[in-house]
Amino acid sequence: MAVRRMPFQQLREGTTAMKRTYGSARGFTLIELLVVIVIIGMLAALIIPTVRGAMNSAKKGKAMSQIRDLDGAIKQYCKEYNNKPPAPAGTYSGGALPDDKLFEGADQAKIIEILTNTGTATNLNAKQIVFLELDPEAFKVKTATEVAALLAGGTSYKDPWDGDYRILLDLNFDDKISGVGGLADIRAKVGVYSLGDPKDKYDIATTPYKTW
């Protein structure tokens, strides 16, 4: 059987076409890679601040929502029992209750226990009313049972920046809160606030996260 030979001209043209094909599959040059890296960097510089801003706005909104819920729960308790949540207890870690008081840390946790009806001092919420529903994520756990255990151990209710929600109460029923944290008189029976992001360095007077 005769072998058909390819004409020399066709062979040369085929070889040239193959060279073009392989040549078109070359990799990126260093300059092209640098251009891509610069573009990615520029996009990141635009996107990252936007994402951070959105996350911070979400934290601010969440903080104000939780502050209002906590303030409302305390006021509902006052209306139901004609008393402030801690008053029947008589004493807290600071000793005898003064006319007005700032509650944070373990003292704050005690109030939250009363409002959520998860504490052992049932005489402080004899009707076992749940005045406040808590999101377990605020305590970095998954269940209400875990939240109750943390509150019983003195773990306070935290804001989105991991700081305490602070509670101010008018304990002598003169419709004002005074002499607390160097703050001027507040014409309110209840005050709830957060100091927000520690980077902002707010204090009790300057924080925007408050109910008064």
N, C-alpha and C. Protein backbone atom coordinates (compact mmCIF):
# COMPACT_ATOMS: atom_id res chain seq x y z
N MET A 1 0.86 -1.20 0.00
CA MET A 1 0.00 0.00 0.00
C MET A 1 0.89 1.24 0.00
N ALA A 2 0.62 2.11 -0.94
CA ALA A 2 1.46 3.31 -1.11
C ALA A 2 1.17 4.32 -0.01
N VAL A 3 2.23 4.93 0.51
CA VAL A 3 2.09 5.98 1.54
C VAL A 3 1.99 7.33 0.86
N ARG A 4 0.94 8.06 1.19
CA ARG A 4 0.73 9.37 0.58
C ARG A 4 1.59 10.40 1.30
N ARG A 5 2.42 11.07 0.56
CA ARG A 5 3.30 12.07 1.16
C ARG A 5 2.67 13.46 1.06
N MET A 6 2.78 14.20 2.16
CA MET A 6 2.24 15.57 2.18
C MET A 6 3.21 16.49 1.46
N PRO A 7 2.68 17.28 0.59
CA PRO A 7 3.56 18.24 -0.12
C PRO A 7 4.29 19.12 0.87
N PHE A 8 5.51 19.52 0.53
CA PHE A 8 6.37 20.32 1.41
C PHE A 8 5.71 21.63 1.81
N GLN A 9 5.01 22.27 0.88
CA GLN A 9 4.38 23.56 1.16
C GLN A 9 3.31 23.43 2.24
N GLN A 10 2.49 22.36 2.17
CA GLN A 10 1.46 22.14 3.17
C GLN A 10 2.06 21.84 4.54
N LEU A 11 3.12 21.06 4.56
CA LEU A 11 3.79 20.74 5.82
C LEU A 11 4.32 21.99 6.50
N ARG A 12 4.93 22.88 5.68
CA ARG A 12 5.48 24.12 6.24
C ARG A 12 4.39 25.02 6.79
N GLU A 13 3.26 25.13 6.05
CA GLU A 13 2.15 25.97 6.50
C GLU A 13 1.53 25.41 7.78
N GLY A 14 1.45 24.07 7.87
CA GLY A 14 0.90 23.46 9.08
C GLY A 14 1.77 23.72 10.28
N THR A 15 3.08 23.64 10.09
CA THR A 15 4.01 23.90 11.19
C THR A 15 3.90 25.34 11.65
N THR A 16 3.77 26.26 10.71
CA THR A 16 3.64 27.69 11.05
C THR A 16 2.37 27.94 11.84
N ALA A 17 1.26 27.29 11.46
CA ALA A 17 -0.02 27.47 12.16
C ALA A 17 0.08 26.95 13.59
N MET A 18 0.78 25.82 13.75
CA MET A 18 0.96 25.27 15.10
C MET A 18 1.76 26.21 15.98
N LYS A 19 2.78 26.86 15.40
CA LYS A 19 3.58 27.82 16.16
C LYS A 19 2.73 28.99 16.62
N ARG A 20 1.83 29.44 15.71
CA ARG A 20 0.96 30.55 16.09
C ARG A 20 0.04 30.14 17.25
N THR A 21 -0.50 28.91 17.17
CA THR A 21 -1.42 28.43 18.21
C THR A 21 -0.73 28.36 19.55
N TYR A 22 0.45 27.73 19.60
CA TYR A 22 1.19 27.63 20.85
C TYR A 22 1.65 28.99 21.34
N GLY A 23 1.98 29.87 20.41
CA GLY A 23 2.44 31.21 20.79
C GLY A 23 1.35 32.02 21.45
N SER A 24 0.07 31.78 21.01
CA SER A 24 -1.04 32.54 21.59
C SER A 24 -1.38 32.07 22.99
N ALA A 25 -0.87 30.93 23.45
CA ALA A 25 -1.17 30.39 24.77
C ALA A 25 -0.11 30.76 25.80
N ARG A 26 0.67 31.80 25.55
CA ARG A 26 1.72 32.20 26.46
C ARG A 26 1.13 32.71 27.78
N GLY A 27 1.92 32.75 28.88
CA GLY A 27 1.45 33.22 30.18
C GLY A 27 1.46 34.73 30.28
N PHE A 28 1.02 35.24 31.47
CA PHE A 28 1.02 36.67 31.71
C PHE A 28 2.46 37.17 31.85
N THR A 29 2.67 38.38 31.41
CA THR A 29 3.97 39.00 31.63
C THR A 29 3.98 39.61 33.03
N LEU A 30 5.14 39.98 33.51
CA LEU A 30 5.27 40.58 34.84
C LEU A 30 4.47 41.87 34.93
N ILE A 31 4.51 42.66 33.88
CA ILE A 31 3.77 43.94 33.88
C ILE A 31 2.28 43.70 33.98
N GLU A 32 1.77 42.70 33.24
CA GLU A 32 0.35 42.39 33.29
C GLU A 32 -0.07 41.93 34.69
N LEU A 33 0.77 41.12 35.32
CA LEU A 33 0.47 40.68 36.69
C LEU A 33 0.45 41.86 37.66
N LEU A 34 1.40 42.77 37.51
CA LEU A 34 1.43 43.95 38.38
C LEU A 34 0.19 44.81 38.20
N VAL A 35 -0.26 44.96 36.95
CA VAL A 35 -1.48 45.73 36.68
C VAL A 35 -2.68 45.10 37.38
N VAL A 36 -2.80 43.77 37.29
CA VAL A 36 -3.90 43.07 37.94
C VAL A 36 -3.86 43.26 39.45
N ILE A 37 -2.65 43.16 40.03
CA ILE A 37 -2.50 43.33 41.48
C ILE A 37 -2.90 44.73 41.91
N VAL A 38 -2.51 45.73 41.12
CA VAL A 38 -2.86 47.13 41.43
C VAL A 38 -4.37 47.31 41.38
N ILE A 39 -5.02 46.74 40.38
CA ILE A 39 -6.48 46.86 40.24
C ILE A 39 -7.18 46.21 41.43
N ILE A 40 -6.71 45.02 41.82
CA ILE A 40 -7.30 44.34 42.98
C ILE A 40 -7.12 45.18 44.24
N GLY A 41 -5.95 45.77 44.41
CA GLY A 41 -5.69 46.62 45.57
C GLY A 41 -6.62 47.83 45.62
N MET A 42 -6.85 48.44 44.45
CA MET A 42 -7.74 49.60 44.39
C MET A 42 -9.17 49.21 44.73
N LEU A 43 -9.62 48.06 44.23
CA LEU A 43 -10.97 47.60 44.54
C LEU A 43 -11.11 47.30 46.04
N ALA A 44 -10.09 46.68 46.62
CA ALA A 44 -10.12 46.38 48.06
C ALA A 44 -10.19 47.66 48.87
N ALA A 45 -9.43 48.68 48.44
CA ALA A 45 -9.42 49.95 49.17
C ALA A 45 -10.79 50.61 49.14
N LEU A 46 -11.56 50.35 48.09
CA LEU A 46 -12.90 50.93 47.99
C LEU A 46 -13.92 50.10 48.76
N ILE A 47 -13.78 48.78 48.71
CA ILE A 47 -14.79 47.89 49.27
C ILE A 47 -14.67 47.74 50.78
N ILE A 48 -13.44 47.58 51.29
CA ILE A 48 -13.26 47.29 52.72
C ILE A 48 -13.85 48.38 53.63
N PRO A 49 -13.59 49.67 53.38
CA PRO A 49 -14.21 50.70 54.23
C PRO A 49 -15.74 50.66 54.17
N THR A 50 -16.28 50.34 53.00
CA THR A 50 -17.73 50.26 52.87
C THR A 50 -18.29 49.12 53.71
N VAL A 51 -17.62 47.97 53.66
CA VAL A 51 -18.06 46.82 54.46
C VAL A 51 -17.95 47.12 55.95
N ARG A 52 -16.83 47.74 56.35
CA ARG A 52 -16.65 48.08 57.77
C ARG A 52 -17.72 49.07 58.22
N GLY A 53 -18.02 50.04 57.36
CA GLY A 53 -19.05 51.02 57.70
C GLY A 53 -20.41 50.37 57.87
N ALA A 54 -20.72 49.42 56.99
CA ALA A 54 -22.01 48.72 57.08
C ALA A 54 -22.08 47.89 58.36
N MET A 55 -20.98 47.23 58.70
CA MET A 55 -20.95 46.42 59.93
C MET A 55 -21.10 47.30 61.16
N ASN A 56 -20.45 48.46 61.16
CA ASN A 56 -20.54 49.37 62.31
C ASN A 56 -21.95 49.93 62.44
N SER A 57 -22.57 50.25 61.30
CA SER A 57 -23.95 50.74 61.33
C SER A 57 -24.89 49.68 61.88
N ALA A 58 -24.65 48.43 61.50
CA ALA A 58 -25.47 47.33 62.00
C ALA A 58 -25.33 47.20 63.52
N LYS A 59 -24.11 47.35 64.03
CA LYS A 59 -23.88 47.28 65.47
C LYS A 59 -24.59 48.42 66.20
N LYS A 60 -24.53 49.60 65.63
CA LYS A 60 -25.20 50.75 66.25
C LYS A 60 -26.70 50.53 66.33
N GLY A 61 -27.28 50.04 65.21
CA GLY A 61 -28.71 49.79 65.18
C GLY A 61 -29.12 48.71 66.18
N LYS A 62 -28.31 47.67 66.26
CA LYS A 62 -28.59 46.58 67.20
C LYS A 62 -28.51 47.06 68.64
N ALA A 63 -27.50 47.88 68.94
CA ALA A 63 -27.34 48.40 70.29
C ALA A 63 -28.54 49.24 70.71
N MET A 64 -28.99 50.12 69.84
CA MET A 64 -30.12 50.98 70.19
C MET A 64 -31.40 50.16 70.35
N SER A 65 -31.56 49.14 69.54
CA SER A 65 -32.74 48.28 69.66
C SER A 65 -32.73 47.54 71.00
N GLN A 66 -31.58 47.00 71.38
CA GLN A 66 -31.48 46.27 72.65
C GLN A 66 -31.62 47.21 73.84
N ILE A 67 -31.09 48.42 73.72
CA ILE A 67 -31.23 49.41 74.79
C ILE A 67 -32.70 49.75 75.02
N ARG A 68 -33.42 49.98 73.92
CA ARG A 68 -34.85 50.31 74.05
C ARG A 68 -35.64 49.14 74.63
N ASP A 69 -35.30 47.91 74.21
CA ASP A 69 -36.00 46.74 74.76
C ASP A 69 -35.75 46.60 76.26
N LEU A 70 -34.50 46.80 76.68
CA LEU A 70 -34.16 46.69 78.10
C LEU A 70 -34.84 47.79 78.90
N ASP A 71 -34.82 49.00 78.40
CA ASP A 71 -35.48 50.12 79.06
C ASP A 71 -36.98 49.85 79.20
N GLY A 72 -37.59 49.36 78.11
CA GLY A 72 -39.02 49.07 78.14
C GLY A 72 -39.36 47.95 79.12
N ALA A 73 -38.48 46.94 79.20
CA ALA A 73 -38.74 45.82 80.11
C ALA A 73 -38.71 46.27 81.56
N ILE A 74 -37.76 47.14 81.90
CA ILE A 74 -37.68 47.65 83.28
C ILE A 74 -38.92 48.46 83.62
N LYS A 75 -39.35 49.28 82.68
CA LYS A 75 -40.54 50.11 82.92
C LYS A 75 -41.80 49.25 83.06
N GLN A 76 -41.87 48.17 82.30
CA GLN A 76 -43.00 47.25 82.43
C GLN A 76 -43.00 46.58 83.80
N TYR A 77 -41.80 46.21 84.26
CA TYR A 77 -41.67 45.61 85.59
C TYR A 77 -42.15 46.61 86.65
N CYS A 78 -41.70 47.85 86.54
CA CYS A 78 -42.08 48.89 87.51
C CYS A 78 -43.60 49.06 87.55
N LYS A 79 -44.21 49.05 86.37
CA LYS A 79 -45.66 49.22 86.29
C LYS A 79 -46.38 48.03 86.89
N GLU A 80 -45.86 46.83 86.65
CA GLU A 80 -46.52 45.61 87.13
C GLU A 80 -46.43 45.47 88.65
N TYR A 81 -45.25 45.78 89.20
CA TYR A 81 -45.01 45.54 90.63
C TYR A 81 -44.94 46.82 91.46
N ASN A 82 -45.05 47.95 90.80
CA ASN A 82 -44.95 49.24 91.49
C ASN A 82 -43.65 49.33 92.28
N ASN A 83 -42.59 48.84 91.68
CA ASN A 83 -41.29 48.84 92.34
C ASN A 83 -40.21 48.69 91.27
N LYS A 84 -38.96 49.01 91.64
CA LYS A 84 -37.83 48.79 90.75
C LYS A 84 -37.33 47.36 90.90
N PRO A 85 -36.77 46.77 89.86
CA PRO A 85 -36.36 45.36 89.94
C PRO A 85 -35.47 44.99 91.11
N PRO A 86 -34.44 45.77 91.47
CA PRO A 86 -33.56 45.29 92.54
C PRO A 86 -34.01 45.67 93.94
N ALA A 87 -34.96 46.62 94.05
CA ALA A 87 -35.26 47.19 95.35
C ALA A 87 -35.63 46.16 96.42
N PRO A 88 -36.42 45.12 96.11
CA PRO A 88 -36.76 44.16 97.17
C PRO A 88 -35.57 43.39 97.71
N ALA A 89 -34.47 43.34 96.94
CA ALA A 89 -33.31 42.57 97.39
C ALA A 89 -32.59 43.24 98.55
N GLY A 90 -32.71 44.56 98.65
CA GLY A 90 -32.13 45.28 99.78
C GLY A 90 -30.67 45.62 99.61
N THR A 91 -29.82 44.66 99.28
CA THR A 91 -28.40 44.92 99.11
C THR A 91 -27.87 44.29 97.84
N TYR A 92 -26.78 44.87 97.34
CA TYR A 92 -26.07 44.32 96.19
C TYR A 92 -24.58 44.36 96.50
N SER A 93 -23.74 44.10 95.54
CA SER A 93 -22.31 44.01 95.80
C SER A 93 -21.73 45.28 96.39
N GLY A 94 -22.35 46.41 96.10
CA GLY A 94 -21.86 47.68 96.63
C GLY A 94 -22.34 47.97 98.04
N GLY A 95 -23.13 47.08 98.63
CA GLY A 95 -23.67 47.32 99.97
C GLY A 95 -25.12 47.75 99.89
N ALA A 96 -25.57 48.50 100.91
CA ALA A 96 -26.95 48.94 100.93
C ALA A 96 -27.23 49.83 99.72
N LEU A 97 -28.42 49.70 99.16
CA LEU A 97 -28.77 50.49 97.97
C LEU A 97 -28.88 51.97 98.33
N PRO A 98 -28.25 52.83 97.53
CA PRO A 98 -28.38 54.28 97.75
C PRO A 98 -29.68 54.78 97.14
N ASP A 99 -29.83 56.10 97.11
CA ASP A 99 -31.03 56.67 96.51
C ASP A 99 -31.11 56.30 95.02
N ASP A 100 -30.02 56.46 94.31
CA ASP A 100 -29.96 56.13 92.89
C ASP A 100 -28.69 55.31 92.64
N LYS A 101 -28.73 54.47 91.63
CA LYS A 101 -27.59 53.57 91.46
C LYS A 101 -27.36 53.23 90.00
N LEU A 102 -26.08 53.03 89.68
CA LEU A 102 -25.66 52.51 88.39
C LEU A 102 -25.43 51.01 88.54
N PHE A 103 -26.08 50.23 87.70
CA PHE A 103 -25.95 48.78 87.75
C PHE A 103 -25.17 48.28 86.53
N GLU A 104 -24.08 47.57 86.78
CA GLU A 104 -23.28 46.95 85.72
C GLU A 104 -22.68 45.67 86.29
N GLY A 105 -22.01 44.90 85.46
CA GLY A 105 -21.40 43.67 85.92
C GLY A 105 -22.42 42.71 86.52
N ALA A 106 -22.06 42.11 87.65
CA ALA A 106 -22.92 41.11 88.29
C ALA A 106 -24.24 41.72 88.77
N ASP A 107 -24.21 43.00 89.18
CA ASP A 107 -25.45 43.66 89.61
C ASP A 107 -26.42 43.79 88.43
N GLN A 108 -25.88 44.14 87.28
CA GLN A 108 -26.71 44.23 86.08
C GLN A 108 -27.28 42.86 85.73
N ALA A 109 -26.46 41.82 85.83
CA ALA A 109 -26.91 40.45 85.52
C ALA A 109 -28.08 40.05 86.40
N LYS A 110 -28.06 40.49 87.66
CA LYS A 110 -29.16 40.17 88.59
C LYS A 110 -30.47 40.77 88.10
N ILE A 111 -30.41 42.01 87.63
CA ILE A 111 -31.62 42.65 87.10
C ILE A 111 -32.11 41.91 85.87
N ILE A 112 -31.18 41.52 84.99
CA ILE A 112 -31.57 40.80 83.77
C ILE A 112 -32.20 39.46 84.13
N GLU A 113 -31.69 38.80 85.16
CA GLU A 113 -32.30 37.55 85.63
C GLU A 113 -33.76 37.77 86.01
N ILE A 114 -34.00 38.84 86.74
CA ILE A 114 -35.37 39.14 87.17
C ILE A 114 -36.27 39.39 85.97
N LEU A 115 -35.79 40.17 85.04
CA LEU A 115 -36.59 40.55 83.87
C LEU A 115 -36.86 39.37 82.94
N THR A 116 -35.91 38.43 82.87
CA THR A 116 -36.08 37.26 82.00
C THR A 116 -36.72 36.08 82.72
N ASN A 117 -36.96 36.25 84.01
CA ASN A 117 -37.55 35.19 84.84
C ASN A 117 -36.71 33.92 84.79
N THR A 118 -35.40 34.07 84.89
CA THR A 118 -34.51 32.91 84.88
C THR A 118 -33.76 32.75 86.19
N GLY A 119 -33.93 33.69 87.12
CA GLY A 119 -33.19 33.63 88.36
C GLY A 119 -33.85 32.74 89.42
N THR A 120 -33.16 32.54 90.50
CA THR A 120 -33.69 31.72 91.60
C THR A 120 -34.50 32.55 92.59
N ALA A 121 -34.30 33.87 92.58
CA ALA A 121 -35.03 34.73 93.52
C ALA A 121 -36.43 35.01 92.95
N THR A 122 -37.30 34.01 93.01
CA THR A 122 -38.62 34.13 92.40
C THR A 122 -39.49 35.18 93.08
N ASN A 123 -39.15 35.54 94.33
CA ASN A 123 -39.94 36.56 95.01
C ASN A 123 -39.79 37.93 94.35
N LEU A 124 -38.75 38.09 93.53
CA LEU A 124 -38.55 39.37 92.83
C LEU A 124 -39.35 39.44 91.54
N ASN A 125 -39.93 38.33 91.13
CA ASN A 125 -40.83 38.29 89.97
C ASN A 125 -41.85 37.20 90.25
N ALA A 126 -42.68 37.47 91.25
CA ALA A 126 -43.59 36.45 91.77
C ALA A 126 -44.56 35.94 90.71
N LYS A 127 -44.91 36.77 89.75
CA LYS A 127 -45.84 36.35 88.70
C LYS A 127 -45.15 35.62 87.55
N GLN A 128 -43.84 35.51 87.66
CA GLN A 128 -43.03 34.80 86.65
C GLN A 128 -43.29 35.31 85.23
N ILE A 129 -43.30 36.62 85.12
CA ILE A 129 -43.50 37.26 83.82
C ILE A 129 -42.16 37.42 83.11
N VAL A 130 -42.12 37.10 81.84
CA VAL A 130 -40.91 37.33 81.05
C VAL A 130 -41.03 38.73 80.44
N PHE A 131 -40.33 39.66 81.04
CA PHE A 131 -40.38 41.05 80.56
C PHE A 131 -39.38 41.29 79.42
N LEU A 132 -38.36 40.45 79.34
CA LEU A 132 -37.29 40.67 78.36
C LEU A 132 -36.88 39.36 77.72
N GLU A 133 -36.88 39.34 76.39
CA GLU A 133 -36.37 38.19 75.63
C GLU A 133 -34.96 38.53 75.17
N LEU A 134 -34.03 37.60 75.38
CA LEU A 134 -32.63 37.85 75.04
C LEU A 134 -32.19 36.98 73.87
N ASP A 135 -31.31 37.54 73.06
CA ASP A 135 -30.68 36.79 71.98
C ASP A 135 -29.44 36.10 72.54
N PRO A 136 -29.39 34.77 72.52
CA PRO A 136 -28.20 34.07 73.05
C PRO A 136 -26.89 34.53 72.43
N GLU A 137 -26.94 35.07 71.20
CA GLU A 137 -25.72 35.52 70.56
C GLU A 137 -25.06 36.65 71.34
N ALA A 138 -25.86 37.41 72.09
CA ALA A 138 -25.29 38.49 72.92
C ALA A 138 -24.39 37.92 74.00
N PHE A 139 -24.58 36.65 74.33
CA PHE A 139 -23.76 35.98 75.34
C PHE A 139 -22.81 34.97 74.70
N LYS A 140 -22.79 34.96 73.36
CA LYS A 140 -21.91 34.06 72.59
C LYS A 140 -22.20 32.59 72.88
N VAL A 141 -23.48 32.30 73.07
CA VAL A 141 -23.93 30.91 73.25
C VAL A 141 -25.11 30.68 72.31
N LYS A 142 -25.69 29.46 72.38
CA LYS A 142 -26.73 29.10 71.43
C LYS A 142 -28.11 28.93 72.04
N THR A 143 -28.21 28.71 73.33
CA THR A 143 -29.50 28.40 73.94
C THR A 143 -29.83 29.32 75.11
N ALA A 144 -31.13 29.41 75.41
CA ALA A 144 -31.59 30.21 76.54
C ALA A 144 -31.12 29.60 77.87
N THR A 145 -30.99 28.28 77.91
CA THR A 145 -30.50 27.61 79.12
C THR A 145 -29.07 28.05 79.44
N GLU A 146 -28.25 28.16 78.41
CA GLU A 146 -26.87 28.62 78.61
C GLU A 146 -26.85 30.07 79.07
N VAL A 147 -27.75 30.89 78.52
CA VAL A 147 -27.84 32.29 78.94
C VAL A 147 -28.19 32.37 80.42
N ALA A 148 -29.17 31.57 80.85
CA ALA A 148 -29.59 31.58 82.25
C ALA A 148 -28.43 31.20 83.17
N ALA A 149 -27.64 30.22 82.75
CA ALA A 149 -26.49 29.80 83.57
C ALA A 149 -25.46 30.90 83.67
N LEU A 150 -25.22 31.61 82.59
CA LEU A 150 -24.25 32.71 82.61
C LEU A 150 -24.72 33.85 83.50
N LEU A 151 -26.00 34.19 83.40
CA LEU A 151 -26.55 35.25 84.25
C LEU A 151 -26.44 34.87 85.73
N ALA A 152 -26.75 33.62 86.03
CA ALA A 152 -26.66 33.16 87.42
C ALA A 152 -25.24 33.24 87.95
N GLY A 153 -24.27 33.10 87.05
CA GLY A 153 -22.87 33.20 87.45
C GLY A 153 -22.34 34.62 87.46
N GLY A 154 -23.20 35.60 87.16
CA GLY A 154 -22.79 37.00 87.22
C GLY A 154 -22.31 37.58 85.90
N THR A 155 -22.49 36.85 84.80
CA THR A 155 -22.10 37.38 83.48
C THR A 155 -23.13 38.39 83.02
N SER A 156 -22.71 39.59 82.71
CA SER A 156 -23.63 40.67 82.37
C SER A 156 -24.06 40.61 80.90
N TYR A 157 -25.12 41.32 80.61
CA TYR A 157 -25.66 41.46 79.25
C TYR A 157 -24.78 42.43 78.49
N LYS A 158 -24.22 41.98 77.35
CA LYS A 158 -23.23 42.76 76.62
C LYS A 158 -23.81 43.44 75.37
N ASP A 159 -23.20 44.58 75.03
CA ASP A 159 -23.55 45.26 73.78
C ASP A 159 -22.73 44.66 72.63
N PRO A 160 -22.97 45.10 71.39
CA PRO A 160 -22.24 44.52 70.25
C PRO A 160 -20.73 44.73 70.28
N TRP A 161 -20.24 45.64 71.14
CA TRP A 161 -18.80 45.88 71.27
C TRP A 161 -18.24 45.14 72.49
N ASP A 162 -19.03 44.26 73.07
CA ASP A 162 -18.63 43.43 74.21
C ASP A 162 -18.46 44.23 75.50
N GLY A 163 -19.15 45.35 75.60
CA GLY A 163 -19.18 46.11 76.84
C GLY A 163 -20.53 45.93 77.53
N ASP A 164 -20.60 46.21 78.81
CA ASP A 164 -21.87 46.07 79.55
C ASP A 164 -22.90 47.08 79.07
N TYR A 165 -24.16 46.64 79.01
CA TYR A 165 -25.26 47.60 79.01
C TYR A 165 -25.39 48.07 80.45
N ARG A 166 -25.43 49.35 80.65
CA ARG A 166 -25.48 49.91 82.00
C ARG A 166 -26.88 50.45 82.30
N ILE A 167 -27.31 50.21 83.53
CA ILE A 167 -28.67 50.56 83.93
C ILE A 167 -28.62 51.57 85.07
N LEU A 168 -29.33 52.66 84.92
CA LEU A 168 -29.48 53.67 85.97
C LEU A 168 -30.91 53.60 86.50
N LEU A 169 -31.06 53.60 87.82
CA LEU A 169 -32.40 53.52 88.40
C LEU A 169 -32.61 54.58 89.47
N ASP A 170 -33.79 55.15 89.43
CA ASP A 170 -34.25 56.07 90.49
C ASP A 170 -34.84 55.21 91.60
N LEU A 171 -34.06 54.99 92.65
CA LEU A 171 -34.48 54.08 93.71
C LEU A 171 -35.23 54.75 94.86
N ASN A 172 -35.22 56.08 94.89
CA ASN A 172 -35.97 56.76 95.96
C ASN A 172 -37.26 57.39 95.42
N PHE A 173 -37.58 57.06 94.17
CA PHE A 173 -38.86 57.42 93.57
C PHE A 173 -39.13 58.94 93.59
N ASP A 174 -38.08 59.73 93.27
CA ASP A 174 -38.29 61.17 93.17
C ASP A 174 -38.29 61.61 91.70
N ASP A 175 -38.42 60.63 90.80
CA ASP A 175 -38.51 60.88 89.35
C ASP A 175 -37.27 61.52 88.76
N LYS A 176 -36.12 61.27 89.37
CA LYS A 176 -34.87 61.74 88.79
C LYS A 176 -33.73 60.83 89.25
N ILE A 177 -32.70 60.79 88.43
CA ILE A 177 -31.50 60.01 88.75
C ILE A 177 -30.37 61.01 88.90
N SER A 178 -29.73 61.02 90.05
CA SER A 178 -28.69 62.01 90.30
C SER A 178 -27.52 61.39 91.04
N GLY A 179 -26.36 62.06 90.94
CA GLY A 179 -25.18 61.64 91.67
C GLY A 179 -24.59 60.33 91.20
N VAL A 180 -24.80 59.98 89.95
CA VAL A 180 -24.27 58.72 89.42
C VAL A 180 -23.25 59.01 88.33
N GLY A 181 -22.03 58.56 88.53
CA GLY A 181 -21.00 58.71 87.51
C GLY A 181 -20.67 60.15 87.16
N GLY A 182 -20.91 61.07 88.09
CA GLY A 182 -20.64 62.47 87.82
C GLY A 182 -21.62 63.11 86.84
N LEU A 183 -22.70 62.40 86.53
CA LEU A 183 -23.68 62.90 85.57
C LEU A 183 -24.65 63.86 86.23
N ALA A 184 -25.04 64.89 85.50
CA ALA A 184 -26.06 65.81 86.01
C ALA A 184 -27.38 65.06 86.15
N ASP A 185 -28.32 65.64 86.86
CA ASP A 185 -29.61 64.99 87.09
C ASP A 185 -30.28 64.59 85.77
N ILE A 186 -30.81 63.38 85.76
CA ILE A 186 -31.61 62.90 84.63
C ILE A 186 -33.05 62.84 85.09
N ARG A 187 -33.93 63.51 84.38
CA ARG A 187 -35.34 63.48 84.74
C ARG A 187 -35.97 62.21 84.17
N ALA A 188 -35.72 61.11 84.85
CA ALA A 188 -36.23 59.81 84.41
C ALA A 188 -36.19 58.84 85.57
N LYS A 189 -37.02 57.82 85.50
CA LYS A 189 -37.02 56.77 86.51
C LYS A 189 -36.04 55.66 86.15
N VAL A 190 -35.78 55.54 84.84
CA VAL A 190 -34.89 54.51 84.33
C VAL A 190 -34.00 55.11 83.25
N GLY A 191 -32.75 54.70 83.24
CA GLY A 191 -31.83 55.09 82.16
C GLY A 191 -30.99 53.88 81.76
N VAL A 192 -30.92 53.62 80.48
CA VAL A 192 -30.09 52.52 79.98
C VAL A 192 -29.14 53.07 78.94
N TYR A 193 -27.87 52.65 79.00
CA TYR A 193 -26.93 53.17 78.01
C TYR A 193 -25.80 52.18 77.74
N SER A 194 -25.09 52.43 76.65
CA SER A 194 -23.89 51.70 76.27
C SER A 194 -22.81 52.72 75.94
N LEU A 195 -21.58 52.37 76.20
CA LEU A 195 -20.46 53.26 75.85
C LEU A 195 -19.99 53.04 74.42
N GLY A 196 -20.62 52.12 73.72
CA GLY A 196 -20.30 51.93 72.30
C GLY A 196 -18.91 51.37 72.05
N ASP A 197 -18.41 51.67 70.87
CA ASP A 197 -17.08 51.20 70.47
C ASP A 197 -16.01 51.85 71.35
N PRO A 198 -15.16 51.07 72.00
CA PRO A 198 -14.12 51.65 72.86
C PRO A 198 -13.24 52.67 72.14
N LYS A 199 -13.09 52.51 70.82
CA LYS A 199 -12.27 53.45 70.05
C LYS A 199 -12.85 54.85 70.06
N ASP A 200 -14.16 54.97 70.27
CA ASP A 200 -14.79 56.29 70.29
C ASP A 200 -14.63 57.01 71.62
N LYS A 201 -14.25 56.27 72.65
CA LYS A 201 -13.96 56.84 73.98
C LYS A 201 -15.11 57.68 74.54
N TYR A 202 -16.33 57.16 74.42
CA TYR A 202 -17.48 57.84 75.01
C TYR A 202 -17.49 57.64 76.52
N ASP A 203 -18.11 58.58 77.22
CA ASP A 203 -18.38 58.39 78.64
C ASP A 203 -19.88 58.51 78.85
N ILE A 204 -20.32 58.46 80.11
CA ILE A 204 -21.75 58.47 80.40
C ILE A 204 -22.45 59.72 79.88
N ALA A 205 -21.72 60.81 79.80
CA ALA A 205 -22.33 62.07 79.35
C ALA A 205 -22.35 62.22 77.83
N THR A 206 -21.36 61.65 77.15
CA THR A 206 -21.23 61.89 75.71
C THR A 206 -21.75 60.77 74.83
N THR A 207 -22.00 59.59 75.39
CA THR A 207 -22.43 58.49 74.55
C THR A 207 -23.77 58.78 73.86
N PRO A 208 -23.88 58.42 72.58
CA PRO A 208 -25.16 58.60 71.89
C PRO A 208 -26.10 57.42 72.09
N TYR A 209 -25.60 56.36 72.71
CA TYR A 209 -26.40 55.15 72.89
C TYR A 209 -27.03 55.16 74.28
N LYS A 210 -28.15 55.86 74.40
CA LYS A 210 -28.79 56.01 75.71
C LYS A 210 -30.28 56.30 75.53
N THR A 211 -31.00 56.24 76.62
CA THR A 211 -32.46 56.41 76.55
C THR A 211 -32.94 57.75 77.11
N TRP A 212 -32.05 58.64 77.45
CA TRP A 212 -32.47 59.94 77.98
C TRP A 212 -31.95 61.09 77.12
